[in-house]
Amino acid sequence: MYSEERKRFIADQITAQDRVQVSALSQTLHVSEVTIRRDLAEMERDGLLKRTFGGAVSLTTVKHAEPYAVKRTQQLAAKQSIGQRAVQFIADEMTIFIDAGTTTAELAQALTGRHLTVVTVDLHIALALSEQENVEVYVVGGQLSNKSKATNSIDTIAQIEQFHFDLAFIGCDAFDFTTLETDTEVKAALKAAAIHSASLAIVLADASKFNTHSLRNFATLSEVSYLVSDPMLNHAAAALPECVQDKVIIGGS
C-alpha cells in the first residue's frame, strides 16, 4: 500500500473513531510502526491530526486555552481540593516553583503561615503571595502575556533553568496517563524546564482535562513525581497498573 493510500485510511479511521494507535495501524496495514509514525508526522505537519503518545487524535478533540477570567470560575471546587492536597507536600524553608494557572493559584491561596521562597511566572500568584510576610517571592522575567498575566518567553525559560527548586507545581491543559500537554511550544518548554530544575515535580490538573488533548506535549507521567487531581478521576485511576497508581493522588477524597 502506497503512502497516500495509508494516509487516506488513517484519516478515515480518525474521522470514525477520533483516535488511532500506531500498533493497531501497523498490524492492519502490514507495515512497520516506523512507517506509521512517519505517516502520522507528515499528517500532523499538514494539519490533519495531532500526534499523541502511541498514536494520534482528531484535531476536534484538541482543547484550546480559554481566557483566564473564564477558567478561574470553572471546576472551582475541584481546583480547591487539588490545592489543599498539594500543599501537604510543602514544608517550611523550601524553595518552590508555582506555574501559571487557575489550579496552581488555588495552591498559592493555601500557603498561609509557611516560611517559603516561591518562584513564579504568574503575576496573579505573585501579588497574592506578596501579602504574606513569611513568603519571599521571585517573579521570573520575560514577555508578559496580556491574556494570562504570566511571563512566557524564551527569556523566561532561560531564567528558570538557572534555579533549583525543592518542589515544582506544574499546571497543564490536557492529560492522560501517559502524556501531559499544553497549548503552545513556549509554554511546553517552560514547564519542561521547571520539571528538570526540581527535586520533585508535581502536576496539578482537574479531572475535566483527563483524556483530552492540547497542542504540545511537555512531559510524560513517568517524568514527573506525582499528578494531583480531584475525586472525579478516581474511577479511571483505579484501573491503572499499580506502578502508575502510586503517582496519581486524589485531593478531597
Protein backbone atom coordinates (compact mmCIF):
# COMPACT_ATOMS: atom_id res chain seq x y z
CA MET A 1 0.00 0.00 0.00
CA TYR A 2 1.37 3.39 -1.00
CA SER A 3 1.85 6.28 1.45
CA GLU A 4 -1.14 8.27 0.21
CA GLU A 5 -3.39 5.22 0.50
CA ARG A 6 -2.27 4.65 4.07
CA LYS A 7 -2.89 8.29 4.92
CA ARG A 8 -6.41 8.14 3.48
CA PHE A 9 -7.07 5.05 5.58
CA ILE A 10 -5.68 6.76 8.69
CA ALA A 11 -7.78 9.88 8.02
CA ASP A 12 -10.91 7.72 7.69
CA GLN A 13 -10.13 5.99 11.00
CA ILE A 14 -9.58 9.32 12.72
CA THR A 15 -12.91 10.58 11.41
CA ALA A 16 -14.73 7.45 12.57
CA GLN A 17 -13.05 6.94 15.95
CA ASP A 18 -11.39 10.28 16.86
CA ARG A 19 -8.10 8.45 17.56
CA VAL A 20 -5.75 5.78 16.21
CA GLN A 21 -2.95 3.67 17.68
CA VAL A 22 0.39 3.07 15.93
CA SER A 23 0.47 -0.62 16.84
CA ALA A 24 -3.04 -1.31 15.51
CA LEU A 25 -2.38 0.57 12.26
CA SER A 26 0.87 -1.32 11.78
CA GLN A 27 -0.91 -4.66 12.06
CA THR A 28 -3.86 -3.65 9.90
CA LEU A 29 -1.79 -2.09 7.11
CA HIS A 30 1.05 -4.67 7.28
CA VAL A 31 3.80 -2.07 7.58
CA SER A 32 6.29 -1.27 10.34
CA GLU A 33 5.49 1.04 13.24
CA VAL A 34 8.30 3.30 12.00
CA THR A 35 6.42 3.75 8.73
CA ILE A 36 3.18 4.56 10.55
CA ARG A 37 4.91 7.11 12.77
CA ARG A 38 6.37 8.77 9.69
CA ASP A 39 2.90 8.93 8.10
CA LEU A 40 1.44 10.45 11.27
CA ALA A 41 4.25 13.01 11.47
CA GLU A 42 3.59 14.10 7.90
CA MET A 43 -0.16 14.29 8.53
CA GLU A 44 0.42 16.38 11.64
CA ARG A 45 2.59 18.80 9.66
CA ASP A 46 -0.26 19.07 7.14
CA GLY A 47 -2.68 19.96 9.92
CA LEU A 48 -4.73 16.74 9.65
CA LEU A 49 -4.31 15.34 13.17
CA LYS A 50 -2.48 15.68 16.49
CA ARG A 51 0.08 13.04 17.39
CA THR A 52 -0.05 11.60 20.90
CA PHE A 53 1.94 9.02 22.82
CA GLY A 54 1.45 5.81 20.80
CA GLY A 55 -0.90 7.22 18.20
CA ALA A 56 -2.85 10.27 17.09
CA VAL A 57 -6.17 12.03 17.68
CA SER A 58 -8.56 14.18 15.71
CA LEU A 59 -7.98 17.93 15.92
CA THR A 60 -11.60 18.25 17.07
CA THR A 61 -10.58 16.68 20.40
CA VAL A 62 -7.77 19.19 20.98
CA LYS A 63 -8.53 21.73 23.71
CA HIS A 64 -7.57 25.38 23.26
CA ALA A 65 -6.83 27.68 26.16
CA GLU A 66 -9.73 29.80 27.39
CA PRO A 67 -9.43 33.30 28.89
CA TYR A 68 -8.21 33.47 32.49
CA ALA A 69 -11.44 35.07 33.69
CA VAL A 70 -13.39 32.12 32.31
CA LYS A 71 -11.04 29.41 33.59
CA ARG A 72 -10.92 30.77 37.15
CA THR A 73 -14.65 30.01 37.63
CA GLN A 74 -14.59 26.54 36.04
CA GLN A 75 -14.24 23.39 38.21
CA LEU A 76 -13.58 25.67 41.19
CA ALA A 77 -14.35 23.12 43.93
CA ALA A 78 -12.12 20.56 42.21
CA LYS A 79 -9.26 23.06 41.92
CA GLN A 80 -9.61 23.99 45.58
CA SER A 81 -9.44 20.33 46.63
CA ILE A 82 -6.32 19.89 44.48
CA GLY A 83 -4.69 22.95 46.05
CA GLN A 84 -5.45 21.75 49.57
CA ARG A 85 -3.98 18.31 48.80
CA ALA A 86 -0.90 19.65 47.02
CA VAL A 87 0.03 21.99 49.87
CA GLN A 88 0.68 18.91 52.04
CA PHE A 89 3.92 18.33 50.11
CA ILE A 90 5.33 21.65 51.31
CA ALA A 91 7.49 22.17 54.41
CA ASP A 92 8.87 25.41 55.86
CA GLU A 93 12.03 26.87 54.29
CA MET A 94 11.51 25.16 50.92
CA THR A 95 12.10 26.86 47.59
CA ILE A 96 9.18 26.07 45.30
CA PHE A 97 8.14 26.92 41.76
CA ILE A 98 4.46 27.65 41.09
CA ASP A 99 3.44 27.58 37.44
CA ALA A 100 0.86 29.93 35.95
CA GLY A 101 -2.78 28.88 36.07
CA THR A 102 -6.02 28.85 37.97
CA THR A 103 -5.38 25.49 39.66
CA THR A 104 -1.91 26.49 40.81
CA ALA A 105 -3.48 29.74 42.06
CA GLU A 106 -5.58 27.66 44.46
CA LEU A 107 -2.38 26.09 45.79
CA ALA A 108 -0.98 29.59 46.37
CA GLN A 109 -4.11 30.51 48.34
CA ALA A 110 -3.45 27.55 50.65
CA LEU A 111 0.13 28.56 51.59
CA THR A 112 -0.83 30.69 54.60
CA GLY A 113 1.56 30.58 57.55
CA ARG A 114 4.53 28.92 55.86
CA HIS A 115 8.07 30.31 55.57
CA LEU A 116 8.93 29.82 51.88
CA THR A 117 10.75 31.08 48.86
CA VAL A 118 8.36 31.00 45.90
CA VAL A 119 9.39 31.44 42.28
CA THR A 120 6.57 32.03 39.82
CA VAL A 121 5.80 33.34 36.35
CA ASP A 122 2.22 34.30 37.28
CA LEU A 123 1.55 37.91 38.35
CA HIS A 124 -1.79 36.96 39.98
CA ILE A 125 0.04 34.44 42.18
CA ALA A 126 2.97 36.77 42.88
CA LEU A 127 0.73 39.62 44.02
CA ALA A 128 -1.36 37.34 46.24
CA LEU A 129 1.73 35.86 47.90
CA SER A 130 3.35 39.27 48.35
CA GLU A 131 0.73 39.93 51.05
CA GLN A 132 2.26 37.16 53.18
CA GLU A 133 5.25 38.46 55.14
CA ASN A 134 6.82 35.00 55.55
CA VAL A 135 6.95 34.30 51.80
CA GLU A 136 9.82 35.61 49.67
CA VAL A 137 8.59 35.93 46.09
CA TYR A 138 10.62 35.90 42.90
CA VAL A 139 8.90 36.71 39.61
CA VAL A 140 10.73 35.24 36.62
CA GLY A 141 11.02 37.81 33.86
CA GLY A 142 10.30 37.72 30.15
CA GLN A 143 7.50 38.67 27.79
CA LEU A 144 4.19 39.15 29.61
CA SER A 145 1.05 37.52 28.22
CA ASN A 146 -1.82 40.00 28.06
CA LYS A 147 -4.31 37.14 28.44
CA SER A 148 -2.87 35.19 31.36
CA LYS A 149 -0.77 37.92 33.04
CA ALA A 150 2.13 35.47 33.17
CA THR A 151 5.63 35.75 31.72
CA ASN A 152 6.02 33.34 28.87
CA SER A 153 9.02 33.59 26.56
CA ILE A 154 12.45 32.22 25.73
CA ASP A 155 13.94 34.60 28.31
CA THR A 156 11.64 33.12 30.96
CA ILE A 157 12.77 29.59 30.15
CA ALA A 158 16.46 30.55 30.33
CA GLN A 159 15.98 32.04 33.81
CA ILE A 160 14.05 29.03 35.13
CA GLU A 161 16.92 26.80 34.06
CA GLN A 162 19.22 28.70 36.46
CA PHE A 163 17.17 27.79 39.56
CA HIS A 164 16.95 24.69 41.68
CA PHE A 165 13.56 24.03 43.28
CA ASP A 166 12.72 21.62 46.08
CA LEU A 167 9.28 21.30 44.50
CA ALA A 168 7.79 22.46 41.22
CA PHE A 169 4.00 22.64 40.86
CA ILE A 170 3.06 22.49 37.19
CA GLY A 171 -0.27 23.20 35.50
CA CYS A 172 -1.45 21.52 32.32
CA ASP A 173 -4.23 21.93 29.75
CA ALA A 174 -4.81 18.25 28.99
CA PHE A 175 -3.55 14.86 30.12
CA ASP A 176 -3.95 11.13 30.05
CA PHE A 177 -1.96 8.53 31.96
CA THR A 178 0.99 8.76 29.61
CA THR A 179 1.20 12.31 28.28
CA LEU A 180 0.92 15.82 29.79
CA GLU A 181 0.07 18.62 27.35
CA THR A 182 -0.30 22.38 26.95
CA ASP A 183 -1.25 24.72 24.15
CA THR A 184 1.97 26.40 22.95
CA GLU A 185 5.55 25.44 22.23
CA VAL A 186 6.97 28.07 24.60
CA LYS A 187 4.71 27.02 27.48
CA ALA A 188 5.69 23.40 26.91
CA ALA A 189 9.38 24.29 27.06
CA LEU A 190 8.83 26.42 30.18
CA LYS A 191 7.07 23.59 32.02
CA ALA A 192 9.73 21.08 30.95
CA ALA A 193 12.46 23.41 32.25
CA ALA A 194 10.74 23.73 35.64
CA ILE A 195 10.35 19.95 35.88
CA HIS A 196 14.04 19.41 35.15
CA SER A 197 15.04 22.08 37.70
CA ALA A 198 13.12 20.47 40.58
CA SER A 199 13.85 17.65 43.01
CA LEU A 200 10.14 16.76 42.88
CA ALA A 201 7.78 17.83 40.09
CA ILE A 202 4.05 17.71 40.81
CA VAL A 203 1.41 18.30 38.14
CA LEU A 204 -1.93 19.79 39.21
CA ALA A 205 -4.87 19.05 36.89
CA ASP A 206 -8.59 18.65 37.48
CA ALA A 207 -10.37 15.61 36.05
CA SER A 208 -12.17 17.58 33.32
CA LYS A 209 -8.82 17.66 31.47
CA PHE A 210 -8.42 13.87 31.52
CA ASN A 211 -8.43 12.09 28.14
CA THR A 212 -8.42 15.39 26.27
CA HIS A 213 -5.58 16.75 24.18
CA SER A 214 -3.83 20.06 23.66
CA LEU A 215 -1.32 21.04 21.01
CA ARG A 216 2.04 20.33 22.66
CA ASN A 217 3.42 17.53 24.84
CA PHE A 218 5.66 18.78 27.66
CA ALA A 219 6.28 15.57 29.64
CA THR A 220 5.14 12.02 30.21
CA LEU A 221 3.71 10.88 33.53
CA SER A 222 6.89 8.88 34.10
CA GLU A 223 8.93 12.12 34.03
CA VAL A 224 7.10 13.75 36.96
CA SER A 225 6.86 12.70 40.59
CA TYR A 226 3.08 12.97 41.09
CA LEU A 227 -0.13 14.10 39.44
CA VAL A 228 -2.72 15.58 41.82
CA SER A 229 -6.32 15.61 40.63
CA ASP A 230 -9.83 15.56 42.13
CA PRO A 231 -12.23 12.71 43.05
CA MET A 232 -13.81 12.64 39.58
CA LEU A 233 -10.62 10.89 38.45
CA ASN A 234 -11.00 8.05 40.99
CA HIS A 235 -12.69 5.57 38.65
CA ALA A 236 -10.11 5.96 35.89
CA ALA A 237 -7.20 5.85 38.33
CA ALA A 238 -8.44 2.59 39.87
CA ALA A 239 -7.91 0.80 36.56
CA LEU A 240 -4.26 1.80 36.32
CA PRO A 241 -1.30 -0.51 36.88
CA GLU A 242 -0.04 -0.25 40.47
CA CYS A 243 3.21 1.43 39.43
CA VAL A 244 1.23 4.28 37.84
CA GLN A 245 -1.41 4.44 40.58
CA ASP A 246 1.35 5.44 43.00
CA LYS A 247 1.90 8.64 41.00
CA VAL A 248 -1.75 9.72 40.97
CA ILE A 249 -3.02 11.47 44.11
CA ILE A 250 -6.65 12.47 44.56
CA GLY A 251 -7.49 15.59 46.52
CA GLY A 252 -10.67 15.89 48.59
CA SER A 253 -11.32 12.14 48.71
